[in-house]
Full PDB file with SEQRES, HELIX, SHEET, SSBOND, CRYST1, ORIGX, SCALE, CONECT and MASTER records, all heavy atoms in Angstrom:
SEQRES   1 A   38  PRO ALA ALA LYS LEU ASP ILE LYS PHE LEU LEU GLU ALA          
SEQRES   2 A   38  ASP ASP GLU GLU THR ALA ALA ALA PHE ARG ALA THR PRO          
SEQRES   3 A   38  LEU PRO ALA ARG PHE GLU ILE VAL THR VAL PRO GLU              
HELIX    1 AA1 ALA A    2  LYS A    4  5                                   3    
HELIX    2 AA2 GLU A   16  ARG A   23  1                                   8    
SHEET    1 AA1 2 ILE A   7  GLU A  12  0                                        
SHEET    2 AA1 2 PHE A  31  VAL A  36  1                                        
CRYST1    1.000    1.000    1.000  90.00  90.00  90.00 P 1           1          
ORIGX1      1.000000  0.000000  0.000000        0.00000                         
ORIGX2      0.000000  1.000000  0.000000        0.00000                         
ORIGX3      0.000000  0.000000  1.000000        0.00000                         
SCALE1      1.000000  0.000000  0.000000        0.00000                         
SCALE2      0.000000  1.000000  0.000000        0.00000                         
SCALE3      0.000000  0.000000  1.000000        0.00000                         
ATOM      1  N   PRO A   1       0.817  -1.211   0.000  1.00  0.00           N  
ATOM      2  CA  PRO A   1       0.000   0.000   0.000  1.00  0.00           C  
ATOM      3  C   PRO A   1       0.853   1.264   0.000  1.00  0.00           C  
ATOM      4  O   PRO A   1       1.755   1.413   0.825  1.00  0.00           O  
ATOM      5  CB  PRO A   1      -0.818  -0.104   1.291  1.00  0.00           C  
ATOM      6  CG  PRO A   1      -0.509  -1.405   1.899  1.00  0.00           C  
ATOM      7  CD  PRO A   1       0.571  -2.066   1.151  1.00  0.00           C  
ATOM      8  N   ALA A   2       0.579   2.159  -0.911  1.00  0.00           N  
ATOM      9  CA  ALA A   2       1.347   3.406  -0.996  1.00  0.00           C  
ATOM     10  C   ALA A   2       1.259   4.191   0.297  1.00  0.00           C  
ATOM     11  O   ALA A   2       2.207   4.890   0.689  1.00  0.00           O  
ATOM     12  CB  ALA A   2       0.831   4.246  -2.163  1.00  0.00           C  
ATOM     13  N   ALA A   3       0.132   4.075   1.009  1.00  0.00           N  
ATOM     14  CA  ALA A   3      -0.052   4.813   2.254  1.00  0.00           C  
ATOM     15  C   ALA A   3       0.917   4.354   3.338  1.00  0.00           C  
ATOM     16  O   ALA A   3       1.092   5.050   4.341  1.00  0.00           O  
ATOM     17  CB  ALA A   3      -1.487   4.660   2.748  1.00  0.00           C  
ATOM     18  N   LYS A   4       1.539   3.198   3.134  1.00  0.00           N  
ATOM     19  CA  LYS A   4       2.462   2.675   4.145  1.00  0.00           C  
ATOM     20  C   LYS A   4       3.890   2.581   3.632  1.00  0.00           C  
ATOM     21  O   LYS A   4       4.707   1.829   4.178  1.00  0.00           O  
ATOM     22  CB  LYS A   4       1.972   1.309   4.635  1.00  0.00           C  
ATOM     23  CG  LYS A   4       0.683   1.397   5.443  1.00  0.00           C  
ATOM     24  CD  LYS A   4       0.273   0.062   6.013  1.00  0.00           C  
ATOM     25  CE  LYS A   4      -0.922   0.234   6.953  1.00  0.00           C  
ATOM     26  NZ  LYS A   4      -1.359  -1.060   7.544  1.00  0.00           N  
ATOM     27  N   LEU A   5       4.197   3.337   2.592  1.00  0.00           N  
ATOM     28  CA  LEU A   5       5.544   3.358   2.048  1.00  0.00           C  
ATOM     29  C   LEU A   5       6.229   4.675   2.372  1.00  0.00           C  
ATOM     30  O   LEU A   5       5.617   5.745   2.332  1.00  0.00           O  
ATOM     31  CB  LEU A   5       5.522   3.148   0.535  1.00  0.00           C  
ATOM     32  CG  LEU A   5       5.315   1.716   0.040  1.00  0.00           C  
ATOM     33  CD1 LEU A   5       5.233   1.685  -1.480  1.00  0.00           C  
ATOM     34  CD2 LEU A   5       6.411   0.788   0.542  1.00  0.00           C  
ATOM     35  N   ASP A   6       7.496   4.587   2.676  1.00  0.00           N  
ATOM     36  CA  ASP A   6       8.342   5.751   2.982  1.00  0.00           C  
ATOM     37  C   ASP A   6       9.633   5.557   2.192  1.00  0.00           C  
ATOM     38  O   ASP A   6      10.554   4.883   2.634  1.00  0.00           O  
ATOM     39  CB  ASP A   6       8.603   5.796   4.493  1.00  0.00           C  
ATOM     40  CG  ASP A   6       9.665   6.799   4.885  1.00  0.00           C  
ATOM     41  OD1 ASP A   6       9.750   7.860   4.239  1.00  0.00           O  
ATOM     42  OD2 ASP A   6      10.414   6.524   5.856  1.00  0.00           O  
ATOM     43  N   ILE A   7       9.684   6.112   0.975  1.00  0.00           N  
ATOM     44  CA  ILE A   7      10.775   5.865   0.033  1.00  0.00           C  
ATOM     45  C   ILE A   7      11.674   7.092  -0.035  1.00  0.00           C  
ATOM     46  O   ILE A   7      11.206   8.204  -0.292  1.00  0.00           O  
ATOM     47  CB  ILE A   7      10.221   5.537  -1.374  1.00  0.00           C  
ATOM     48  CG1 ILE A   7       9.266   4.344  -1.301  1.00  0.00           C  
ATOM     49  CG2 ILE A   7      11.361   5.260  -2.346  1.00  0.00           C  
ATOM     50  CD1 ILE A   7       8.521   4.076  -2.590  1.00  0.00           C  
ATOM     51  N   LYS A   8      12.981   6.878   0.185  1.00  0.00           N  
ATOM     52  CA  LYS A   8      13.915   8.002   0.198  1.00  0.00           C  
ATOM     53  C   LYS A   8      15.066   7.735  -0.772  1.00  0.00           C  
ATOM     54  O   LYS A   8      15.750   6.707  -0.667  1.00  0.00           O  
ATOM     55  CB  LYS A   8      14.456   8.228   1.609  1.00  0.00           C  
ATOM     56  CG  LYS A   8      13.347   8.490   2.623  1.00  0.00           C  
ATOM     57  CD  LYS A   8      13.877   8.894   3.964  1.00  0.00           C  
ATOM     58  CE  LYS A   8      12.753   8.944   4.994  1.00  0.00           C  
ATOM     59  NZ  LYS A   8      11.676   9.873   4.631  1.00  0.00           N  
ATOM     60  N   PHE A   9      15.257   8.671  -1.701  1.00  0.00           N  
ATOM     61  CA  PHE A   9      16.394   8.640  -2.618  1.00  0.00           C  
ATOM     62  C   PHE A   9      17.482   9.545  -2.038  1.00  0.00           C  
ATOM     63  O   PHE A   9      17.232  10.736  -1.801  1.00  0.00           O  
ATOM     64  CB  PHE A   9      15.979   9.128  -4.005  1.00  0.00           C  
ATOM     65  CG  PHE A   9      14.840   8.358  -4.601  1.00  0.00           C  
ATOM     66  CD1 PHE A   9      13.576   8.926  -4.702  1.00  0.00           C  
ATOM     67  CD2 PHE A   9      15.008   7.057  -5.055  1.00  0.00           C  
ATOM     68  CE1 PHE A   9      12.512   8.230  -5.257  1.00  0.00           C  
ATOM     69  CE2 PHE A   9      13.955   6.351  -5.606  1.00  0.00           C  
ATOM     70  CZ  PHE A   9      12.709   6.932  -5.704  1.00  0.00           C  
ATOM     71  N   LEU A  10      18.656   9.008  -1.845  1.00  0.00           N  
ATOM     72  CA  LEU A  10      19.736   9.735  -1.181  1.00  0.00           C  
ATOM     73  C   LEU A  10      20.750  10.176  -2.224  1.00  0.00           C  
ATOM     74  O   LEU A  10      21.423   9.346  -2.855  1.00  0.00           O  
ATOM     75  CB  LEU A  10      20.401   8.839  -0.135  1.00  0.00           C  
ATOM     76  CG  LEU A  10      19.434   8.038   0.762  1.00  0.00           C  
ATOM     77  CD1 LEU A  10      20.197   7.164   1.737  1.00  0.00           C  
ATOM     78  CD2 LEU A  10      18.470   8.969   1.484  1.00  0.00           C  
ATOM     79  N   LEU A  11      20.868  11.484  -2.425  1.00  0.00           N  
ATOM     80  CA  LEU A  11      21.739  12.052  -3.446  1.00  0.00           C  
ATOM     81  C   LEU A  11      22.868  12.839  -2.802  1.00  0.00           C  
ATOM     82  O   LEU A  11      22.706  13.412  -1.719  1.00  0.00           O  
ATOM     83  CB  LEU A  11      20.953  12.975  -4.381  1.00  0.00           C  
ATOM     84  CG  LEU A  11      19.659  12.438  -5.008  1.00  0.00           C  
ATOM     85  CD1 LEU A  11      19.100  13.459  -5.992  1.00  0.00           C  
ATOM     86  CD2 LEU A  11      19.893  11.112  -5.696  1.00  0.00           C  
ATOM     87  N   GLU A  12      24.014  12.887  -3.487  1.00  0.00           N  
ATOM     88  CA  GLU A  12      25.119  13.737  -3.054  1.00  0.00           C  
ATOM     89  C   GLU A  12      24.880  15.161  -3.540  1.00  0.00           C  
ATOM     90  O   GLU A  12      24.189  15.398  -4.545  1.00  0.00           O  
ATOM     91  CB  GLU A  12      26.445  13.202  -3.598  1.00  0.00           C  
ATOM     92  CG  GLU A  12      26.837  11.839  -3.065  1.00  0.00           C  
ATOM     93  CD  GLU A  12      27.193  11.845  -1.584  1.00  0.00           C  
ATOM     94  OE1 GLU A  12      27.521  12.934  -1.060  1.00  0.00           O  
ATOM     95  OE2 GLU A  12      27.137  10.770  -0.956  1.00  0.00           O  
ATOM     96  N   ALA A  13      25.466  16.123  -2.828  1.00  0.00           N  
ATOM     97  CA  ALA A  13      25.181  17.534  -3.087  1.00  0.00           C  
ATOM     98  C   ALA A  13      25.587  17.974  -4.493  1.00  0.00           C  
ATOM     99  O   ALA A  13      24.969  18.879  -5.064  1.00  0.00           O  
ATOM    100  CB  ALA A  13      25.880  18.401  -2.033  1.00  0.00           C  
ATOM    101  N   ASP A  14      26.622  17.351  -5.067  1.00  0.00           N  
ATOM    102  CA  ASP A  14      27.107  17.789  -6.384  1.00  0.00           C  
ATOM    103  C   ASP A  14      26.518  16.983  -7.545  1.00  0.00           C  
ATOM    104  O   ASP A  14      26.945  17.136  -8.684  1.00  0.00           O  
ATOM    105  CB  ASP A  14      28.632  17.717  -6.434  1.00  0.00           C  
ATOM    106  CG  ASP A  14      29.151  16.288  -6.296  1.00  0.00           C  
ATOM    107  OD1 ASP A  14      28.370  15.406  -5.903  1.00  0.00           O  
ATOM    108  OD2 ASP A  14      30.345  16.061  -6.572  1.00  0.00           O  
ATOM    109  N   ASP A  15      25.525  16.134  -7.254  1.00  0.00           N  
ATOM    110  CA  ASP A  15      24.968  15.259  -8.291  1.00  0.00           C  
ATOM    111  C   ASP A  15      23.714  15.896  -8.887  1.00  0.00           C  
ATOM    112  O   ASP A  15      22.586  15.413  -8.711  1.00  0.00           O  
ATOM    113  CB  ASP A  15      24.660  13.885  -7.694  1.00  0.00           C  
ATOM    114  CG  ASP A  15      24.311  12.856  -8.762  1.00  0.00           C  
ATOM    115  OD1 ASP A  15      24.411  13.186  -9.957  1.00  0.00           O  
ATOM    116  OD2 ASP A  15      23.931  11.732  -8.390  1.00  0.00           O  
ATOM    117  N   GLU A  16      23.900  16.983  -9.618  1.00  0.00           N  
ATOM    118  CA  GLU A  16      22.788  17.712 -10.185  1.00  0.00           C  
ATOM    119  C   GLU A  16      22.093  16.915 -11.282  1.00  0.00           C  
ATOM    120  O   GLU A  16      20.874  17.020 -11.472  1.00  0.00           O  
ATOM    121  CB  GLU A  16      23.281  19.050 -10.744  1.00  0.00           C  
ATOM    122  CG  GLU A  16      22.225  19.878 -11.460  1.00  0.00           C  
ATOM    123  CD  GLU A  16      21.019  20.194 -10.591  1.00  0.00           C  
ATOM    124  OE1 GLU A  16      21.188  20.291  -9.348  1.00  0.00           O  
ATOM    125  OE2 GLU A  16      19.908  20.317 -11.138  1.00  0.00           O  
ATOM    126  N   GLU A  17      22.832  16.081 -12.006  1.00  0.00           N  
ATOM    127  CA  GLU A  17      22.242  15.319 -13.108  1.00  0.00           C  
ATOM    128  C   GLU A  17      21.174  14.351 -12.611  1.00  0.00           C  
ATOM    129  O   GLU A  17      20.078  14.269 -13.170  1.00  0.00           O  
ATOM    130  CB  GLU A  17      23.343  14.557 -13.853  1.00  0.00           C  
ATOM    131  CG  GLU A  17      22.847  13.798 -15.076  1.00  0.00           C  
ATOM    132  CD  GLU A  17      23.950  13.022 -15.772  1.00  0.00           C  
ATOM    133  OE1 GLU A  17      25.111  13.056 -15.285  1.00  0.00           O  
ATOM    134  OE2 GLU A  17      23.663  12.390 -16.791  1.00  0.00           O  
ATOM    135  N   THR A  18      21.488  13.610 -11.528  1.00  0.00           N  
ATOM    136  CA  THR A  18      20.497  12.677 -10.983  1.00  0.00           C  
ATOM    137  C   THR A  18      19.330  13.429 -10.367  1.00  0.00           C  
ATOM    138  O   THR A  18      18.164  13.016 -10.506  1.00  0.00           O  
ATOM    139  CB  THR A  18      21.148  11.758  -9.939  1.00  0.00           C  
ATOM    140  OG1 THR A  18      22.295  11.126 -10.509  1.00  0.00           O  
ATOM    141  CG2 THR A  18      20.183  10.681  -9.479  1.00  0.00           C  
ATOM    142  N   ALA A  19      19.615  14.543  -9.695  1.00  0.00           N  
ATOM    143  CA  ALA A  19      18.537  15.351  -9.113  1.00  0.00           C  
ATOM    144  C   ALA A  19      17.595  15.848 -10.205  1.00  0.00           C  
ATOM    145  O   ALA A  19      16.363  15.842 -10.030  1.00  0.00           O  
ATOM    146  CB  ALA A  19      19.124  16.519  -8.332  1.00  0.00           C  
ATOM    147  N   ALA A  20      18.145  16.257 -11.335  1.00  0.00           N  
ATOM    148  CA  ALA A  20      17.314  16.734 -12.445  1.00  0.00           C  
ATOM    149  C   ALA A  20      16.448  15.608 -12.998  1.00  0.00           C  
ATOM    150  O   ALA A  20      15.298  15.845 -13.405  1.00  0.00           O  
ATOM    151  CB  ALA A  20      18.206  17.312 -13.536  1.00  0.00           C  
ATOM    152  N   ALA A  21      16.985  14.389 -13.029  1.00  0.00           N  
ATOM    153  CA  ALA A  21      16.201  13.254 -13.518  1.00  0.00           C  
ATOM    154  C   ALA A  21      14.984  12.999 -12.637  1.00  0.00           C  
ATOM    155  O   ALA A  21      13.906  12.649 -13.137  1.00  0.00           O  
ATOM    156  CB  ALA A  21      17.083  12.002 -13.575  1.00  0.00           C  
ATOM    157  N   PHE A  22      15.131  13.198 -11.329  1.00  0.00           N  
ATOM    158  CA  PHE A  22      13.983  13.038 -10.435  1.00  0.00           C  
ATOM    159  C   PHE A  22      13.010  14.205 -10.576  1.00  0.00           C  
ATOM    160  O   PHE A  22      11.792  14.015 -10.526  1.00  0.00           O  
ATOM    161  CB  PHE A  22      14.451  12.924  -8.982  1.00  0.00           C  
ATOM    162  CG  PHE A  22      14.944  11.560  -8.604  1.00  0.00           C  
ATOM    163  CD1 PHE A  22      16.280  11.329  -8.312  1.00  0.00           C  
ATOM    164  CD2 PHE A  22      14.067  10.493  -8.539  1.00  0.00           C  
ATOM    165  CE1 PHE A  22      16.732  10.078  -7.969  1.00  0.00           C  
ATOM    166  CE2 PHE A  22      14.507   9.223  -8.194  1.00  0.00           C  
ATOM    167  CZ  PHE A  22      15.850   9.014  -7.915  1.00  0.00           C  
ATOM    168  N   ARG A  23      13.537  15.415 -10.735  1.00  0.00           N  
ATOM    169  CA  ARG A  23      12.657  16.575 -10.867  1.00  0.00           C  
ATOM    170  C   ARG A  23      11.813  16.510 -12.142  1.00  0.00           C  
ATOM    171  O   ARG A  23      10.744  17.115 -12.222  1.00  0.00           O  
ATOM    172  CB  ARG A  23      13.468  17.869 -10.862  1.00  0.00           C  
ATOM    173  CG  ARG A  23      14.020  18.253  -9.495  1.00  0.00           C  
ATOM    174  CD  ARG A  23      14.455  19.705  -9.485  1.00  0.00           C  
ATOM    175  NE  ARG A  23      15.503  19.977 -10.460  1.00  0.00           N  
ATOM    176  CZ  ARG A  23      16.805  19.918 -10.206  1.00  0.00           C  
ATOM    177  NH1 ARG A  23      17.221  19.587  -8.982  1.00  0.00           N  
ATOM    178  NH2 ARG A  23      17.698  20.191 -11.137  1.00  0.00           N  
ATOM    179  N   ALA A  24      12.278  15.741 -13.131  1.00  0.00           N  
ATOM    180  CA  ALA A  24      11.550  15.649 -14.402  1.00  0.00           C  
ATOM    181  C   ALA A  24      10.236  14.891 -14.261  1.00  0.00           C  
ATOM    182  O   ALA A  24       9.382  14.957 -15.144  1.00  0.00           O  
ATOM    183  CB  ALA A  24      12.427  14.971 -15.455  1.00  0.00           C  
ATOM    184  N   THR A  25      10.078  14.154 -13.149  1.00  0.00           N  
ATOM    185  CA  THR A  25       8.867  13.372 -12.932  1.00  0.00           C  
ATOM    186  C   THR A  25       8.210  13.804 -11.630  1.00  0.00           C  
ATOM    187  O   THR A  25       8.826  13.673 -10.568  1.00  0.00           O  
ATOM    188  CB  THR A  25       9.193  11.862 -12.861  1.00  0.00           C  
ATOM    189  OG1 THR A  25       9.878  11.470 -14.048  1.00  0.00           O  
ATOM    190  CG2 THR A  25       7.927  11.038 -12.701  1.00  0.00           C  
ATOM    191  N   PRO A  26       6.987  14.328 -11.654  1.00  0.00           N  
ATOM    192  CA  PRO A  26       6.298  14.671 -10.400  1.00  0.00           C  
ATOM    193  C   PRO A  26       6.099  13.421  -9.550  1.00  0.00           C  
ATOM    194  O   PRO A  26       5.630  12.385 -10.040  1.00  0.00           O  
ATOM    195  CB  PRO A  26       4.953  15.244 -10.879  1.00  0.00           C  
ATOM    196  CG  PRO A  26       5.179  15.605 -12.312  1.00  0.00           C  
ATOM    197  CD  PRO A  26       6.178  14.644 -12.845  1.00  0.00           C  
ATOM    198  N   LEU A  27       6.464  13.504  -8.274  1.00  0.00           N  
ATOM    199  CA  LEU A  27       6.408  12.347  -7.393  1.00  0.00           C  
ATOM    200  C   LEU A  27       5.485  12.622  -6.218  1.00  0.00           C  
ATOM    201  O   LEU A  27       5.521  13.707  -5.633  1.00  0.00           O  
ATOM    202  CB  LEU A  27       7.806  12.003  -6.871  1.00  0.00           C  
ATOM    203  CG  LEU A  27       8.844  11.596  -7.919  1.00  0.00           C  
ATOM    204  CD1 LEU A  27      10.213  11.432  -7.284  1.00  0.00           C  
ATOM    205  CD2 LEU A  27       8.426  10.312  -8.625  1.00  0.00           C  
ATOM    206  N   PRO A  28       4.662  11.643  -5.835  1.00  0.00           N  
ATOM    207  CA  PRO A  28       3.819  11.807  -4.641  1.00  0.00           C  
ATOM    208  C   PRO A  28       4.663  11.806  -3.374  1.00  0.00           C  
ATOM    209  O   PRO A  28       5.869  11.529  -3.395  1.00  0.00           O  
ATOM    210  CB  PRO A  28       2.886  10.599  -4.701  1.00  0.00           C  
ATOM    211  CG  PRO A  28       3.600   9.596  -5.537  1.00  0.00           C  
ATOM    212  CD  PRO A  28       4.418  10.364  -6.518  1.00  0.00           C  
ATOM    213  N   ALA A  29       4.019  12.068  -2.234  1.00  0.00           N  
ATOM    214  CA  ALA A  29       4.741  12.306  -0.978  1.00  0.00           C  
ATOM    215  C   ALA A  29       5.466  11.071  -0.456  1.00  0.00           C  
ATOM    216  O   ALA A  29       6.365  11.208   0.375  1.00  0.00           O  
ATOM    217  CB  ALA A  29       3.773  12.829   0.081  1.00  0.00           C  
ATOM    218  N   ARG A  30       5.085   9.868  -0.915  1.00  0.00           N  
ATOM    219  CA  ARG A  30       5.807   8.693  -0.420  1.00  0.00           C  
ATOM    220  C   ARG A  30       7.236   8.644  -0.954  1.00  0.00           C  
ATOM    221  O   ARG A  30       8.082   7.941  -0.408  1.00  0.00           O  
ATOM    222  CB  ARG A  30       5.054   7.417  -0.769  1.00  0.00           C  
ATOM    223  CG  ARG A  30       5.040   7.027  -2.244  1.00  0.00           C  
ATOM    224  CD  ARG A  30       4.274   5.733  -2.441  1.00  0.00           C  
ATOM    225  NE  ARG A  30       4.249   5.259  -3.816  1.00  0.00           N  
ATOM    226  CZ  ARG A  30       3.365   5.625  -4.741  1.00  0.00           C  
ATOM    227  NH1 ARG A  30       2.415   6.510  -4.422  1.00  0.00           N  
ATOM    228  NH2 ARG A  30       3.413   5.137  -5.972  1.00  0.00           N  
ATOM    229  N   PHE A  31       7.514   9.371  -2.025  1.00  0.00           N  
ATOM    230  CA  PHE A  31       8.864   9.491  -2.569  1.00  0.00           C  
ATOM    231  C   PHE A  31       9.489  10.780  -2.049  1.00  0.00           C  
ATOM    232  O   PHE A  31       8.900  11.849  -2.168  1.00  0.00           O  
ATOM    233  CB  PHE A  31       8.837   9.542  -4.099  1.00  0.00           C  
ATOM    234  CG  PHE A  31       8.316   8.288  -4.748  1.00  0.00           C  
ATOM    235  CD1 PHE A  31       7.007   8.225  -5.195  1.00  0.00           C  
ATOM    236  CD2 PHE A  31       9.128   7.187  -4.922  1.00  0.00           C  
ATOM    237  CE1 PHE A  31       6.516   7.080  -5.807  1.00  0.00           C  
ATOM    238  CE2 PHE A  31       8.650   6.039  -5.534  1.00  0.00           C  
ATOM    239  CZ  PHE A  31       7.340   5.983  -5.975  1.00  0.00           C  
ATOM    240  N   GLU A  32      10.675  10.673  -1.502  1.00  0.00           N  
ATOM    241  CA  GLU A  32      11.357  11.842  -0.943  1.00  0.00           C  
ATOM    242  C   GLU A  32      12.804  11.862  -1.440  1.00  0.00           C  
ATOM    243  O   GLU A  32      13.496  10.841  -1.381  1.00  0.00           O  
ATOM    244  CB  GLU A  32      11.322  11.789   0.582  1.00  0.00           C  
ATOM    245  CG  GLU A  32      11.891  13.016   1.257  1.00  0.00           C  
ATOM    246  CD  GLU A  32      11.761  12.954   2.763  1.00  0.00           C  
ATOM    247  OE1 GLU A  32      11.193  11.968   3.275  1.00  0.00           O  
ATOM    248  OE2 GLU A  32      12.253  13.882   3.437  1.00  0.00           O  
ATOM    249  N   ILE A  33      13.239  13.008  -1.917  1.00  0.00           N  
ATOM    250  CA  ILE A  33      14.622  13.173  -2.383  1.00  0.00           C  
ATOM    251  C   ILE A  33      15.411  13.880  -1.289  1.00  0.00           C  
ATOM    252  O   ILE A  33      15.095  15.019  -0.925  1.00  0.00           O  
ATOM    253  CB  ILE A  33      14.662  13.967  -3.695  1.00  0.00           C  
ATOM    254  CG1 ILE A  33      13.874  13.226  -4.776  1.00  0.00           C  
ATOM    255  CG2 ILE A  33      16.100  14.182  -4.147  1.00  0.00           C  
ATOM    256  CD1 ILE A  33      13.644  14.025  -6.031  1.00  0.00           C  
ATOM    257  N   VAL A  34      16.405  13.209  -0.758  1.00  0.00           N  
ATOM    258  CA  VAL A  34      17.209  13.733   0.349  1.00  0.00           C  
ATOM    259  C   VAL A  34      18.620  14.000  -0.160  1.00  0.00           C  
ATOM    260  O   VAL A  34      19.290  13.086  -0.650  1.00  0.00           O  
ATOM    261  CB  VAL A  34      17.262  12.733   1.524  1.00  0.00           C  
ATOM    262  CG1 VAL A  34      18.127  13.272   2.656  1.00  0.00           C  
ATOM    263  CG2 VAL A  34      15.854  12.414   2.016  1.00  0.00           C  
ATOM    264  N   THR A  35      19.051  15.239  -0.051  1.00  0.00           N  
ATOM    265  CA  THR A  35      20.419  15.593  -0.413  1.00  0.00           C  
ATOM    266  C   THR A  35      21.294  15.449   0.823  1.00  0.00           C  
ATOM    267  O   THR A  35      21.099  16.148   1.822  1.00  0.00           O  
ATOM    268  CB  THR A  35      20.503  17.030  -0.956  1.00  0.00           C  
ATOM    269  OG1 THR A  35      19.660  17.145  -2.102  1.00  0.00           O  
ATOM    270  CG2 THR A  35      21.934  17.371  -1.351  1.00  0.00           C  
ATOM    271  N   VAL A  36      22.242  14.537   0.771  1.00  0.00           N  
ATOM    272  CA  VAL A  36      23.107  14.250   1.919  1.00  0.00           C  
ATOM    273  C   VAL A  36      24.099  15.402   2.093  1.00  0.00           C  
ATOM    274  O   VAL A  36      24.743  15.812   1.123  1.00  0.00           O  
ATOM    275  CB  VAL A  36      23.849  12.913   1.706  1.00  0.00           C  
ATOM    276  CG1 VAL A  36      24.784  12.620   2.867  1.00  0.00           C  
ATOM    277  CG2 VAL A  36      22.840  11.784   1.523  1.00  0.00           C  
ATOM    278  N   PRO A  37      24.251  15.940   3.302  1.00  0.00           N  
ATOM    279  CA  PRO A  37      25.221  17.022   3.514  1.00  0.00           C  
ATOM    280  C   PRO A  37      26.626  16.587   3.140  1.00  0.00           C  
ATOM    281  O   PRO A  37      27.011  15.422   3.318  1.00  0.00           O  
ATOM    282  CB  PRO A  37      25.114  17.309   5.017  1.00  0.00           C  
ATOM    283  CG  PRO A  37      23.761  16.811   5.408  1.00  0.00           C  
ATOM    284  CD  PRO A  37      23.494  15.631   4.529  1.00  0.00           C  
ATOM    285  N   GLU A  38      27.397  17.506   2.610  1.00  0.00           N  
ATOM    286  CA  GLU A  38      28.765  17.203   2.201  1.00  0.00           C  
ATOM    287  C   GLU A  38      29.598  16.763   3.402  1.00  0.00           C  
ATOM    288  O   GLU A  38      29.445  17.289   4.502  1.00  0.00           O  
ATOM    289  CB  GLU A  38      29.402  18.423   1.537  1.00  0.00           C  
ATOM    290  CG  GLU A  38      28.787  18.787   0.203  1.00  0.00           C  
ATOM    291  CD  GLU A  38      29.506  19.932  -0.471  1.00  0.00           C  
ATOM    292  OE1 GLU A  38      30.553  20.358   0.052  1.00  0.00           O  
ATOM    293  OE2 GLU A  38      29.023  20.409  -1.520  1.00  0.00           O  
TER     294      GLU A  38                                                      
MASTER        0    0    0    2    2    0    0    6  293    1    0    3          
END                                                                             
């Protein structure tokens, strides 16, 4: 069930290409993009 999912994508601060790939697709709240501090 989507209501019970907590999905986190962990990106490095300088990885703009991967971040842009995620931004290209609207994601519901169960998907979260977390930029890891340097």
